[in-house]
Amino acid sequence: MSNRLLTVSAVLLIALGVWLMAPGVPQVAVPPATTATPSAIAASGPPATRVPAEASAPAPSAVPRAIPDGYRVQIPRLGIDLPLREGDSARDVVNQQTPEHAAFHFPGTYLPGDGDNSYFYAHARTGMFLSLWNAREGDEVVIVAPDGTQLVYVVSEVHPRIPPTETSWLDPTGSERLTLQTSTGPRPGDPRFIVVAVRKTP
C-alpha cells in the first residue's frame, strides 16, 4: 500500500475500534491475555509477525483488491458463520453505519489465498464477532470461496487488549494469515480484540 493509503487506513482502523461495539450490549469482562505476554501486546505483536516484508518471505505476486461477493468466514467452535463483504470507510467509519450480519474486508489488505495479511472486522454482537472473545489457539477458521473451495486457517494468536492507536496489524506480513478484529467496548479508548490465524498446512 502507498504511504498515503496506509496513513488513511491507520486512522480508519482506530475509528473502527469504536464503532463495532453494539449499543446496549452489556459490558462483559474481556478475558486477560492467555496467548501473548503483556509486553508483546503493548508492542506491535510477536516479533515473528512484525518483521519487515523485505526480511521475510518473498512478497506475493497478488496485489490488495476488493473481496468479491460470495465469500464466507466460519469458525465452527465459536458458532461464527458470516458472509464477507468489502468494507466501506465512509459508511463504516464516517457515517457509523457498519451493517450487521456480515464481516468486512479492510480495504487495501490482501484476500485469503493471496499469500499475505487479510484483515476482517465485524460487530461485537451475538451472531457476529462477539464470540471471537472466546477464541483460543488451535481454533479452525474456514474461508469459503464462491466456488465452494475452503481455505483453512488455525488460530495462532489471541490479543484481547490492543490499544486503538496500534495500527501495524494492517501491514503486509509476507506470509498468509487472517487478522480478525472486533471491539471490547463503546468508548474511543477501549482496546480492540484481535485474533490471528495462519494457513493450515496439509
N, C-alpha and C. Protein backbone atom coordinates (compact mmCIF):
# COMPACT_ATOMS: atom_id res chain seq x y z
N MET A 1 0.84 -1.18 0.00
CA MET A 1 0.00 0.00 0.00
C MET A 1 0.88 1.24 0.00
N SER A 2 0.41 2.33 -0.57
CA SER A 2 1.15 3.57 -0.55
C SER A 2 1.14 4.13 0.87
N ASN A 3 2.11 5.06 1.13
CA ASN A 3 2.15 5.66 2.46
C ASN A 3 0.87 6.40 2.77
N ARG A 4 0.29 7.07 1.76
CA ARG A 4 -0.95 7.81 1.98
C ARG A 4 -2.08 6.86 2.35
N LEU A 5 -2.19 5.73 1.64
CA LEU A 5 -3.24 4.77 1.94
C LEU A 5 -3.05 4.16 3.31
N LEU A 6 -1.79 3.87 3.66
CA LEU A 6 -1.53 3.33 4.99
C LEU A 6 -1.93 4.31 6.08
N THR A 7 -1.64 5.59 5.86
CA THR A 7 -2.00 6.61 6.85
C THR A 7 -3.50 6.71 7.01
N VAL A 8 -4.20 6.77 5.88
CA VAL A 8 -5.66 6.83 5.92
C VAL A 8 -6.22 5.58 6.58
N SER A 9 -5.67 4.42 6.20
CA SER A 9 -6.15 3.16 6.78
C SER A 9 -5.92 3.12 8.28
N ALA A 10 -4.79 3.63 8.73
CA ALA A 10 -4.49 3.64 10.15
C ALA A 10 -5.51 4.46 10.92
N VAL A 11 -5.84 5.63 10.40
CA VAL A 11 -6.82 6.48 11.05
C VAL A 11 -8.18 5.79 11.10
N LEU A 12 -8.55 5.16 9.99
CA LEU A 12 -9.84 4.48 9.95
C LEU A 12 -9.87 3.30 10.90
N LEU A 13 -8.76 2.58 11.00
CA LEU A 13 -8.72 1.43 11.90
C LEU A 13 -8.92 1.85 13.34
N ILE A 14 -8.32 2.96 13.72
CA ILE A 14 -8.51 3.47 15.08
C ILE A 14 -9.99 3.73 15.32
N ALA A 15 -10.64 4.35 14.34
CA ALA A 15 -12.06 4.65 14.49
C ALA A 15 -12.90 3.38 14.54
N LEU A 16 -12.52 2.38 13.77
CA LEU A 16 -13.29 1.14 13.76
C LEU A 16 -13.33 0.48 15.14
N GLY A 17 -12.30 0.71 15.92
CA GLY A 17 -12.28 0.14 17.26
C GLY A 17 -13.43 0.66 18.11
N VAL A 18 -14.00 1.80 17.74
CA VAL A 18 -15.09 2.39 18.49
C VAL A 18 -16.44 1.91 17.99
N TRP A 19 -16.65 1.92 16.68
CA TRP A 19 -17.99 1.76 16.14
C TRP A 19 -18.50 0.32 16.11
N LEU A 20 -17.66 -0.66 16.34
CA LEU A 20 -18.10 -2.04 16.18
C LEU A 20 -18.75 -2.63 17.43
N MET A 21 -18.80 -1.87 18.50
CA MET A 21 -19.43 -2.38 19.71
C MET A 21 -20.91 -2.11 19.66
N ALA A 22 -21.68 -3.07 20.05
CA ALA A 22 -23.13 -2.94 19.98
C ALA A 22 -23.66 -1.98 21.02
N PRO A 23 -24.51 -1.02 20.60
CA PRO A 23 -25.18 -0.20 21.61
C PRO A 23 -26.07 -1.10 22.45
N GLY A 24 -26.02 -0.91 23.75
CA GLY A 24 -26.89 -1.67 24.62
C GLY A 24 -26.37 -3.04 25.00
N VAL A 25 -25.26 -3.49 24.40
CA VAL A 25 -24.70 -4.77 24.81
C VAL A 25 -24.07 -4.59 26.18
N PRO A 26 -24.40 -5.43 27.14
CA PRO A 26 -23.84 -5.25 28.48
C PRO A 26 -22.33 -5.40 28.45
N GLN A 27 -21.66 -4.65 29.30
CA GLN A 27 -20.21 -4.73 29.39
C GLN A 27 -19.83 -6.09 29.96
N VAL A 28 -19.05 -6.84 29.21
CA VAL A 28 -18.59 -8.15 29.64
C VAL A 28 -17.09 -8.06 29.79
N ALA A 29 -16.58 -8.59 30.87
CA ALA A 29 -15.14 -8.53 31.08
C ALA A 29 -14.44 -9.34 30.00
N VAL A 30 -13.52 -8.68 29.32
CA VAL A 30 -12.73 -9.38 28.32
C VAL A 30 -11.67 -10.17 29.05
N PRO A 31 -11.47 -11.45 28.70
CA PRO A 31 -10.51 -12.26 29.43
C PRO A 31 -9.10 -11.71 29.29
N PRO A 32 -8.27 -11.91 30.31
CA PRO A 32 -6.88 -11.46 30.19
C PRO A 32 -6.17 -12.25 29.10
N ALA A 33 -5.10 -11.67 28.61
CA ALA A 33 -4.34 -12.33 27.55
C ALA A 33 -3.83 -13.67 28.04
N THR A 34 -4.03 -14.69 27.21
CA THR A 34 -3.54 -16.02 27.58
C THR A 34 -2.56 -16.56 26.55
N THR A 35 -2.46 -15.90 25.41
CA THR A 35 -1.60 -16.43 24.37
C THR A 35 -0.51 -15.44 23.97
N ALA A 36 -0.37 -14.36 24.72
CA ALA A 36 0.71 -13.41 24.43
C ALA A 36 1.10 -12.74 25.74
N THR A 37 2.36 -12.38 25.85
CA THR A 37 2.81 -11.72 27.05
C THR A 37 2.35 -10.27 27.03
N PRO A 38 2.26 -9.62 28.20
CA PRO A 38 1.87 -8.21 28.21
C PRO A 38 2.78 -7.34 27.36
N SER A 39 4.08 -7.64 27.36
CA SER A 39 4.98 -6.82 26.55
C SER A 39 4.71 -6.98 25.07
N ALA A 40 4.34 -8.19 24.66
CA ALA A 40 4.04 -8.40 23.24
C ALA A 40 2.77 -7.66 22.85
N ILE A 41 1.78 -7.63 23.75
CA ILE A 41 0.54 -6.93 23.45
C ILE A 41 0.79 -5.43 23.40
N ALA A 42 1.62 -4.91 24.31
CA ALA A 42 1.86 -3.48 24.34
C ALA A 42 2.65 -3.03 23.12
N ALA A 43 3.46 -3.93 22.58
CA ALA A 43 4.21 -3.59 21.38
C ALA A 43 3.38 -3.90 20.16
N SER A 44 4.04 -4.15 19.06
CA SER A 44 3.32 -4.37 17.80
C SER A 44 2.88 -5.80 17.61
N GLY A 45 3.08 -6.65 18.57
CA GLY A 45 2.76 -8.05 18.41
C GLY A 45 4.04 -8.85 18.48
N PRO A 46 3.92 -10.16 18.42
CA PRO A 46 5.10 -11.01 18.49
C PRO A 46 6.11 -10.65 17.40
N PRO A 47 7.39 -10.65 17.71
CA PRO A 47 8.39 -10.26 16.72
C PRO A 47 8.28 -11.04 15.42
N ALA A 48 7.89 -12.30 15.50
CA ALA A 48 7.82 -13.11 14.28
C ALA A 48 6.80 -12.58 13.30
N THR A 49 5.83 -11.81 13.76
CA THR A 49 4.82 -11.30 12.84
C THR A 49 5.05 -9.84 12.48
N ARG A 50 6.12 -9.25 13.01
CA ARG A 50 6.35 -7.83 12.79
C ARG A 50 7.60 -7.55 11.96
N VAL A 51 8.27 -8.58 11.45
CA VAL A 51 9.48 -8.33 10.68
C VAL A 51 9.12 -7.60 9.39
N PRO A 52 10.00 -6.72 8.90
CA PRO A 52 9.70 -6.03 7.65
C PRO A 52 9.52 -7.03 6.52
N ALA A 53 8.68 -6.67 5.54
CA ALA A 53 8.39 -7.58 4.44
C ALA A 53 9.65 -8.01 3.71
N GLU A 54 10.62 -7.08 3.57
CA GLU A 54 11.82 -7.42 2.82
C GLU A 54 12.69 -8.44 3.54
N ALA A 55 12.46 -8.62 4.85
CA ALA A 55 13.27 -9.57 5.60
C ALA A 55 12.56 -10.90 5.77
N SER A 56 11.32 -10.99 5.32
CA SER A 56 10.56 -12.22 5.48
C SER A 56 10.43 -12.91 4.14
N ALA A 57 9.40 -13.72 4.00
CA ALA A 57 9.20 -14.47 2.76
C ALA A 57 9.01 -13.50 1.59
N PRO A 58 9.29 -13.94 0.37
CA PRO A 58 9.09 -13.07 -0.78
C PRO A 58 7.65 -12.57 -0.84
N ALA A 59 7.50 -11.33 -1.27
CA ALA A 59 6.17 -10.74 -1.35
C ALA A 59 5.33 -11.52 -2.35
N PRO A 60 4.03 -11.68 -2.07
CA PRO A 60 3.16 -12.40 -3.01
C PRO A 60 3.02 -11.64 -4.31
N SER A 61 2.69 -12.37 -5.37
CA SER A 61 2.53 -11.72 -6.67
C SER A 61 1.20 -10.98 -6.75
N ALA A 62 0.25 -11.36 -5.89
CA ALA A 62 -1.05 -10.70 -5.90
C ALA A 62 -0.92 -9.29 -5.32
N VAL A 63 -1.90 -8.45 -5.61
CA VAL A 63 -1.96 -7.12 -5.03
C VAL A 63 -3.26 -7.02 -4.23
N PRO A 64 -3.29 -6.13 -3.23
CA PRO A 64 -4.54 -5.97 -2.48
C PRO A 64 -5.69 -5.58 -3.40
N ARG A 65 -6.84 -6.19 -3.18
CA ARG A 65 -8.01 -5.91 -4.01
C ARG A 65 -9.27 -6.15 -3.19
N ALA A 66 -10.40 -5.68 -3.71
CA ALA A 66 -11.67 -5.84 -3.01
C ALA A 66 -12.09 -7.30 -3.03
N ILE A 67 -12.80 -7.71 -1.99
CA ILE A 67 -13.26 -9.09 -1.93
C ILE A 67 -14.55 -9.24 -2.74
N PRO A 68 -14.61 -10.22 -3.62
CA PRO A 68 -15.84 -10.43 -4.41
C PRO A 68 -16.97 -10.96 -3.53
N ASP A 69 -18.18 -10.84 -4.04
CA ASP A 69 -19.32 -11.42 -3.33
C ASP A 69 -19.21 -12.94 -3.31
N GLY A 70 -19.78 -13.54 -2.28
CA GLY A 70 -19.86 -14.99 -2.22
C GLY A 70 -18.91 -15.65 -1.25
N TYR A 71 -18.01 -14.88 -0.61
CA TYR A 71 -17.11 -15.45 0.39
C TYR A 71 -17.81 -15.50 1.76
N ARG A 72 -17.39 -16.46 2.59
CA ARG A 72 -17.88 -16.56 3.97
C ARG A 72 -16.71 -16.84 4.90
N VAL A 73 -16.86 -16.43 6.15
CA VAL A 73 -15.91 -16.79 7.20
C VAL A 73 -16.66 -17.63 8.22
N GLN A 74 -16.05 -18.77 8.59
CA GLN A 74 -16.67 -19.68 9.54
C GLN A 74 -15.65 -20.06 10.62
N ILE A 75 -16.08 -20.00 11.86
CA ILE A 75 -15.28 -20.51 12.97
C ILE A 75 -16.19 -21.47 13.72
N PRO A 76 -16.16 -22.74 13.35
CA PRO A 76 -17.15 -23.69 13.86
C PRO A 76 -17.28 -23.74 15.38
N ARG A 77 -16.17 -23.77 16.10
CA ARG A 77 -16.26 -23.91 17.55
C ARG A 77 -16.95 -22.71 18.20
N LEU A 78 -16.84 -21.54 17.56
CA LEU A 78 -17.42 -20.33 18.13
C LEU A 78 -18.80 -20.01 17.56
N GLY A 79 -19.27 -20.84 16.63
CA GLY A 79 -20.58 -20.59 16.04
C GLY A 79 -20.62 -19.41 15.11
N ILE A 80 -19.49 -19.03 14.55
CA ILE A 80 -19.43 -17.90 13.61
C ILE A 80 -19.56 -18.42 12.19
N ASP A 81 -20.48 -17.84 11.44
CA ASP A 81 -20.68 -18.18 10.02
C ASP A 81 -21.29 -16.94 9.37
N LEU A 82 -20.43 -16.13 8.75
CA LEU A 82 -20.86 -14.84 8.22
C LEU A 82 -20.41 -14.65 6.78
N PRO A 83 -21.23 -13.95 5.98
CA PRO A 83 -20.74 -13.55 4.66
C PRO A 83 -19.65 -12.50 4.82
N LEU A 84 -18.73 -12.49 3.89
CA LEU A 84 -17.67 -11.48 3.86
C LEU A 84 -18.00 -10.45 2.79
N ARG A 85 -17.92 -9.19 3.15
CA ARG A 85 -18.20 -8.10 2.23
C ARG A 85 -17.02 -7.13 2.25
N GLU A 86 -16.91 -6.32 1.22
CA GLU A 86 -15.87 -5.30 1.19
C GLU A 86 -16.26 -4.16 2.13
N GLY A 87 -15.30 -3.71 2.94
CA GLY A 87 -15.55 -2.59 3.83
C GLY A 87 -15.69 -1.29 3.06
N ASP A 88 -16.33 -0.33 3.69
CA ASP A 88 -16.55 0.98 3.10
C ASP A 88 -16.24 2.01 4.19
N SER A 89 -15.14 2.73 4.04
CA SER A 89 -14.70 3.61 5.11
C SER A 89 -15.69 4.74 5.38
N ALA A 90 -16.31 5.29 4.34
CA ALA A 90 -17.27 6.37 4.55
C ALA A 90 -18.48 5.85 5.34
N ARG A 91 -18.97 4.71 4.93
CA ARG A 91 -20.14 4.13 5.59
C ARG A 91 -19.82 3.66 7.01
N ASP A 92 -18.72 2.88 7.13
CA ASP A 92 -18.44 2.19 8.38
C ASP A 92 -17.85 3.10 9.45
N VAL A 93 -17.08 4.11 9.03
CA VAL A 93 -16.38 4.95 10.00
C VAL A 93 -16.98 6.34 10.08
N VAL A 94 -17.04 7.02 8.95
CA VAL A 94 -17.52 8.40 8.95
C VAL A 94 -18.99 8.46 9.35
N ASN A 95 -19.81 7.61 8.72
CA ASN A 95 -21.25 7.62 8.99
C ASN A 95 -21.68 6.67 10.10
N GLN A 96 -20.75 5.86 10.61
CA GLN A 96 -21.02 4.93 11.70
C GLN A 96 -22.20 4.01 11.39
N GLN A 97 -22.22 3.47 10.18
CA GLN A 97 -23.34 2.63 9.75
C GLN A 97 -22.87 1.27 9.24
N THR A 98 -21.92 0.67 9.94
CA THR A 98 -21.46 -0.66 9.56
C THR A 98 -22.65 -1.62 9.61
N PRO A 99 -22.95 -2.29 8.51
CA PRO A 99 -24.10 -3.21 8.53
C PRO A 99 -23.89 -4.37 9.50
N GLU A 100 -24.98 -4.98 9.90
CA GLU A 100 -24.92 -6.16 10.75
C GLU A 100 -24.94 -7.41 9.88
N HIS A 101 -24.75 -8.55 10.53
CA HIS A 101 -24.88 -9.86 9.90
C HIS A 101 -23.88 -10.09 8.77
N ALA A 102 -22.71 -9.47 8.87
CA ALA A 102 -21.63 -9.71 7.91
C ALA A 102 -20.32 -9.30 8.57
N ALA A 103 -19.22 -9.83 8.04
CA ALA A 103 -17.88 -9.36 8.40
C ALA A 103 -17.33 -8.64 7.17
N PHE A 104 -16.41 -7.71 7.40
CA PHE A 104 -15.96 -6.84 6.32
C PHE A 104 -14.45 -6.90 6.14
N HIS A 105 -14.05 -6.89 4.88
CA HIS A 105 -12.65 -6.89 4.47
C HIS A 105 -12.14 -5.46 4.51
N PHE A 106 -11.03 -5.24 5.22
CA PHE A 106 -10.48 -3.88 5.30
C PHE A 106 -9.85 -3.53 3.96
N PRO A 107 -10.32 -2.44 3.33
CA PRO A 107 -9.78 -2.07 2.01
C PRO A 107 -8.27 -1.88 2.05
N GLY A 108 -7.60 -2.40 1.03
CA GLY A 108 -6.16 -2.27 0.93
C GLY A 108 -5.38 -3.41 1.52
N THR A 109 -6.07 -4.38 2.17
CA THR A 109 -5.38 -5.58 2.63
C THR A 109 -5.67 -6.71 1.64
N TYR A 110 -4.93 -7.79 1.78
CA TYR A 110 -5.00 -8.87 0.80
C TYR A 110 -6.24 -9.74 0.98
N LEU A 111 -6.50 -10.56 -0.01
CA LEU A 111 -7.59 -11.53 0.06
C LEU A 111 -7.06 -12.88 0.54
N PRO A 112 -7.89 -13.67 1.19
CA PRO A 112 -7.47 -15.02 1.56
C PRO A 112 -6.99 -15.79 0.33
N GLY A 113 -5.88 -16.48 0.48
CA GLY A 113 -5.32 -17.24 -0.62
C GLY A 113 -4.28 -16.47 -1.41
N ASP A 114 -4.15 -15.15 -1.17
CA ASP A 114 -3.20 -14.34 -1.92
C ASP A 114 -1.83 -14.28 -1.27
N GLY A 115 -1.64 -14.97 -0.15
CA GLY A 115 -0.31 -15.11 0.42
C GLY A 115 0.14 -14.04 1.37
N ASP A 116 -0.79 -13.22 1.89
CA ASP A 116 -0.37 -12.17 2.81
C ASP A 116 -1.49 -11.92 3.83
N ASN A 117 -1.48 -10.74 4.44
CA ASN A 117 -2.38 -10.42 5.54
C ASN A 117 -3.77 -10.00 5.05
N SER A 118 -4.78 -10.77 5.40
CA SER A 118 -6.18 -10.44 5.09
C SER A 118 -6.83 -9.96 6.39
N TYR A 119 -7.37 -8.74 6.40
CA TYR A 119 -7.88 -8.13 7.63
C TYR A 119 -9.40 -8.02 7.56
N PHE A 120 -10.10 -8.60 8.55
CA PHE A 120 -11.56 -8.58 8.59
C PHE A 120 -12.04 -8.05 9.94
N TYR A 121 -13.17 -7.37 9.91
CA TYR A 121 -13.75 -6.84 11.15
C TYR A 121 -15.26 -7.02 11.13
N ALA A 122 -15.85 -7.08 12.32
CA ALA A 122 -17.30 -7.20 12.45
C ALA A 122 -17.70 -6.74 13.84
N HIS A 123 -18.99 -6.45 13.99
CA HIS A 123 -19.53 -6.01 15.27
C HIS A 123 -19.31 -7.07 16.36
N ALA A 124 -19.13 -6.60 17.58
CA ALA A 124 -19.12 -7.48 18.75
C ALA A 124 -20.57 -7.67 19.19
N ARG A 125 -21.30 -8.44 18.40
CA ARG A 125 -22.70 -8.70 18.68
C ARG A 125 -22.97 -10.19 18.49
N THR A 126 -24.01 -10.66 19.15
CA THR A 126 -24.40 -12.06 19.03
C THR A 126 -24.67 -12.38 17.56
N GLY A 127 -24.13 -13.50 17.10
CA GLY A 127 -24.29 -13.89 15.71
C GLY A 127 -23.27 -13.27 14.78
N MET A 128 -22.44 -12.37 15.32
CA MET A 128 -21.36 -11.77 14.52
C MET A 128 -20.02 -12.14 15.18
N PHE A 129 -19.23 -11.16 15.60
CA PHE A 129 -17.91 -11.48 16.16
C PHE A 129 -17.86 -11.42 17.68
N LEU A 130 -18.99 -11.35 18.37
CA LEU A 130 -18.95 -11.32 19.83
C LEU A 130 -18.25 -12.56 20.39
N SER A 131 -18.54 -13.73 19.81
CA SER A 131 -17.94 -14.96 20.34
C SER A 131 -16.45 -15.07 20.01
N LEU A 132 -15.93 -14.14 19.20
CA LEU A 132 -14.49 -14.11 18.96
C LEU A 132 -13.74 -13.90 20.27
N TRP A 133 -14.40 -13.29 21.25
CA TRP A 133 -13.79 -13.10 22.57
C TRP A 133 -13.41 -14.43 23.21
N ASN A 134 -14.02 -15.53 22.77
CA ASN A 134 -13.72 -16.85 23.33
C ASN A 134 -12.74 -17.65 22.48
N ALA A 135 -12.13 -17.02 21.50
CA ALA A 135 -11.19 -17.72 20.63
C ALA A 135 -9.99 -18.21 21.43
N ARG A 136 -9.41 -19.32 20.96
CA ARG A 136 -8.21 -19.83 21.59
C ARG A 136 -7.32 -20.46 20.52
N GLU A 137 -6.06 -20.59 20.84
CA GLU A 137 -5.11 -21.19 19.90
C GLU A 137 -5.61 -22.57 19.48
N GLY A 138 -5.48 -22.84 18.17
CA GLY A 138 -5.90 -24.13 17.65
C GLY A 138 -7.27 -24.12 17.02
N ASP A 139 -8.08 -23.09 17.29
CA ASP A 139 -9.39 -23.00 16.64
C ASP A 139 -9.22 -22.90 15.13
N GLU A 140 -10.06 -23.59 14.38
CA GLU A 140 -10.00 -23.51 12.92
C GLU A 140 -10.90 -22.38 12.42
N VAL A 141 -10.37 -21.63 11.46
CA VAL A 141 -11.11 -20.57 10.78
C VAL A 141 -11.16 -20.98 9.31
N VAL A 142 -12.35 -21.06 8.77
CA VAL A 142 -12.53 -21.52 7.39
C VAL A 142 -13.05 -20.36 6.55
N ILE A 143 -12.36 -20.11 5.45
CA ILE A 143 -12.84 -19.15 4.46
C ILE A 143 -13.39 -19.96 3.30
N VAL A 144 -14.66 -19.76 3.00
CA VAL A 144 -15.32 -20.47 1.91
C VAL A 144 -15.42 -19.52 0.72
N ALA A 145 -14.82 -19.90 -0.40
CA ALA A 145 -14.84 -19.09 -1.61
C ALA A 145 -16.15 -19.29 -2.36
N PRO A 146 -16.48 -18.40 -3.29
CA PRO A 146 -17.74 -18.53 -4.03
C PRO A 146 -17.92 -19.86 -4.75
N ASP A 147 -16.81 -20.49 -5.16
CA ASP A 147 -16.90 -21.78 -5.87
C ASP A 147 -16.94 -22.97 -4.92
N GLY A 148 -17.00 -22.69 -3.61
CA GLY A 148 -17.07 -23.76 -2.62
C GLY A 148 -15.72 -24.19 -2.08
N THR A 149 -14.63 -23.71 -2.67
CA THR A 149 -13.29 -24.03 -2.17
C THR A 149 -13.16 -23.53 -0.73
N GLN A 150 -12.52 -24.33 0.12
CA GLN A 150 -12.33 -23.94 1.51
C GLN A 150 -10.85 -23.75 1.80
N LEU A 151 -10.52 -22.60 2.38
CA LEU A 151 -9.18 -22.32 2.86
C LEU A 151 -9.24 -22.40 4.38
N VAL A 152 -8.40 -23.24 4.96
CA VAL A 152 -8.46 -23.48 6.40
C VAL A 152 -7.25 -22.83 7.08
N TYR A 153 -7.54 -22.10 8.14
CA TYR A 153 -6.53 -21.40 8.93
C TYR A 153 -6.66 -21.88 10.37
N VAL A 154 -5.59 -21.70 11.15
CA VAL A 154 -5.59 -22.11 12.55
C VAL A 154 -5.20 -20.91 13.39
N VAL A 155 -5.99 -20.63 14.44
CA VAL A 155 -5.69 -19.51 15.31
C VAL A 155 -4.33 -19.74 15.98
N SER A 156 -3.47 -18.75 15.84
CA SER A 156 -2.13 -18.85 16.42
C SER A 156 -1.89 -17.80 17.50
N GLU A 157 -2.69 -16.74 17.51
CA GLU A 157 -2.52 -15.66 18.48
C GLU A 157 -3.89 -15.09 18.84
N VAL A 158 -4.05 -14.76 20.13
CA VAL A 158 -5.24 -14.07 20.61
C VAL A 158 -4.76 -12.87 21.42
N HIS A 159 -5.18 -11.67 20.99
CA HIS A 159 -4.75 -10.43 21.63
C HIS A 159 -5.98 -9.63 22.06
N PRO A 160 -6.43 -9.80 23.31
CA PRO A 160 -7.70 -9.20 23.72
C PRO A 160 -7.65 -7.73 24.06
N ARG A 161 -6.47 -7.13 24.14
CA ARG A 161 -6.41 -5.73 24.57
C ARG A 161 -5.37 -4.95 23.76
N ILE A 162 -5.67 -4.75 22.48
CA ILE A 162 -4.77 -3.99 21.62
C ILE A 162 -5.18 -2.52 21.66
N PRO A 163 -4.26 -1.62 22.00
CA PRO A 163 -4.61 -0.20 22.06
C PRO A 163 -5.14 0.28 20.71
N PRO A 164 -6.11 1.19 20.72
CA PRO A 164 -6.69 1.66 19.46
C PRO A 164 -5.71 2.44 18.59
N THR A 165 -4.59 2.86 19.16
CA THR A 165 -3.59 3.58 18.37
C THR A 165 -2.63 2.64 17.63
N GLU A 166 -2.69 1.35 17.93
CA GLU A 166 -1.77 0.38 17.32
C GLU A 166 -2.35 -0.08 15.99
N THR A 167 -1.75 0.35 14.88
CA THR A 167 -2.31 0.07 13.55
C THR A 167 -1.43 -0.85 12.71
N SER A 168 -0.35 -1.35 13.25
CA SER A 168 0.55 -2.18 12.45
C SER A 168 -0.06 -3.51 12.06
N TRP A 169 -1.19 -3.88 12.66
CA TRP A 169 -1.85 -5.13 12.32
C TRP A 169 -2.37 -5.13 10.89
N LEU A 170 -2.46 -3.96 10.28
CA LEU A 170 -2.87 -3.85 8.87
C LEU A 170 -1.73 -4.16 7.91
N ASP A 171 -0.51 -4.11 8.38
CA ASP A 171 0.65 -4.19 7.49
C ASP A 171 0.74 -5.54 6.78
N PRO A 172 1.30 -5.53 5.56
CA PRO A 172 1.63 -6.80 4.91
C PRO A 172 2.61 -7.58 5.79
N THR A 173 2.50 -8.90 5.76
CA THR A 173 3.35 -9.74 6.60
C THR A 173 4.30 -10.62 5.80
N GLY A 174 4.05 -10.76 4.49
CA GLY A 174 4.90 -11.62 3.68
C GLY A 174 4.57 -13.09 3.81
N SER A 175 3.58 -13.41 4.65
CA SER A 175 3.12 -14.79 4.78
C SER A 175 1.61 -14.75 4.98
N GLU A 176 0.95 -15.84 4.63
CA GLU A 176 -0.51 -15.82 4.61
C GLU A 176 -1.10 -15.94 6.00
N ARG A 177 -2.02 -15.02 6.30
CA ARG A 177 -2.69 -15.03 7.59
C ARG A 177 -3.98 -14.25 7.51
N LEU A 178 -4.86 -14.50 8.48
CA LEU A 178 -6.06 -13.71 8.68
C LEU A 178 -5.88 -12.92 9.96
N THR A 179 -6.28 -11.66 9.94
CA THR A 179 -6.34 -10.85 11.14
C THR A 179 -7.80 -10.46 11.33
N LEU A 180 -8.38 -10.88 12.45
CA LEU A 180 -9.81 -10.67 12.72
C LEU A 180 -9.95 -9.69 13.87
N GLN A 181 -10.77 -8.66 13.70
CA GLN A 181 -10.92 -7.63 14.72
C GLN A 181 -12.37 -7.43 15.12
N THR A 182 -12.57 -7.22 16.42
CA THR A 182 -13.85 -6.71 16.90
C THR A 182 -13.55 -5.78 18.06
N SER A 183 -14.59 -5.28 18.71
CA SER A 183 -14.44 -4.30 19.78
C SER A 183 -14.56 -4.94 21.15
N THR A 184 -14.10 -4.20 22.16
CA THR A 184 -14.27 -4.65 23.54
C THR A 184 -15.16 -3.70 24.33
N GLY A 185 -15.52 -2.58 23.77
CA GLY A 185 -16.36 -1.61 24.46
C GLY A 185 -16.68 -0.44 23.55
N PRO A 186 -17.58 0.44 23.97
CA PRO A 186 -18.05 1.52 23.11
C PRO A 186 -17.23 2.80 23.16
N ARG A 187 -16.27 2.90 24.08
CA ARG A 187 -15.54 4.15 24.25
C ARG A 187 -14.33 4.22 23.31
N PRO A 188 -13.93 5.44 22.90
CA PRO A 188 -12.79 5.58 21.98
C PRO A 188 -11.51 4.94 22.49
N GLY A 189 -11.31 4.95 23.81
CA GLY A 189 -10.08 4.39 24.35
C GLY A 189 -10.12 2.91 24.63
N ASP A 190 -11.28 2.27 24.40
CA ASP A 190 -11.38 0.83 24.66
C ASP A 190 -10.49 0.04 23.72
N PRO A 191 -9.84 -1.01 24.22
CA PRO A 191 -8.96 -1.81 23.36
C PRO A 191 -9.75 -2.53 22.27
N ARG A 192 -9.03 -2.93 21.24
CA ARG A 192 -9.59 -3.80 20.21
C ARG A 192 -9.25 -5.25 20.57
N PHE A 193 -10.06 -6.16 20.10
CA PHE A 193 -9.81 -7.59 20.28
C PHE A 193 -9.37 -8.13 18.93
N ILE A 194 -8.16 -8.68 18.86
CA ILE A 194 -7.60 -9.15 17.60
C ILE A 194 -7.19 -10.62 17.71
N VAL A 195 -7.58 -11.37 16.69
CA VAL A 195 -7.22 -12.79 16.59
C VAL A 195 -6.47 -12.99 15.28
N VAL A 196 -5.37 -13.71 15.33
CA VAL A 196 -4.58 -14.02 14.14
C VAL A 196 -4.68 -15.51 13.86
N ALA A 197 -4.89 -15.85 12.61
CA ALA A 197 -4.94 -17.27 12.20
C ALA A 197 -4.04 -17.45 10.99
N VAL A 198 -3.25 -18.50 10.99
CA VAL A 198 -2.33 -18.78 9.90
C VAL A 198 -2.84 -19.94 9.07
N ARG A 199 -2.44 -19.96 7.80
CA ARG A 199 -2.91 -21.00 6.87
C ARG A 199 -2.47 -22.38 7.35
N LYS A 200 -3.41 -23.29 7.37
CA LYS A 200 -3.13 -24.66 7.80
C LYS A 200 -2.39 -25.40 6.70
N THR A 201 -1.31 -26.05 7.09
CA THR A 201 -0.55 -26.82 6.12
C THR A 201 -1.09 -28.24 6.06
N PRO A 202 -1.07 -28.85 4.88
CA PRO A 202 -1.59 -30.22 4.74
C PRO A 202 -0.85 -31.20 5.64
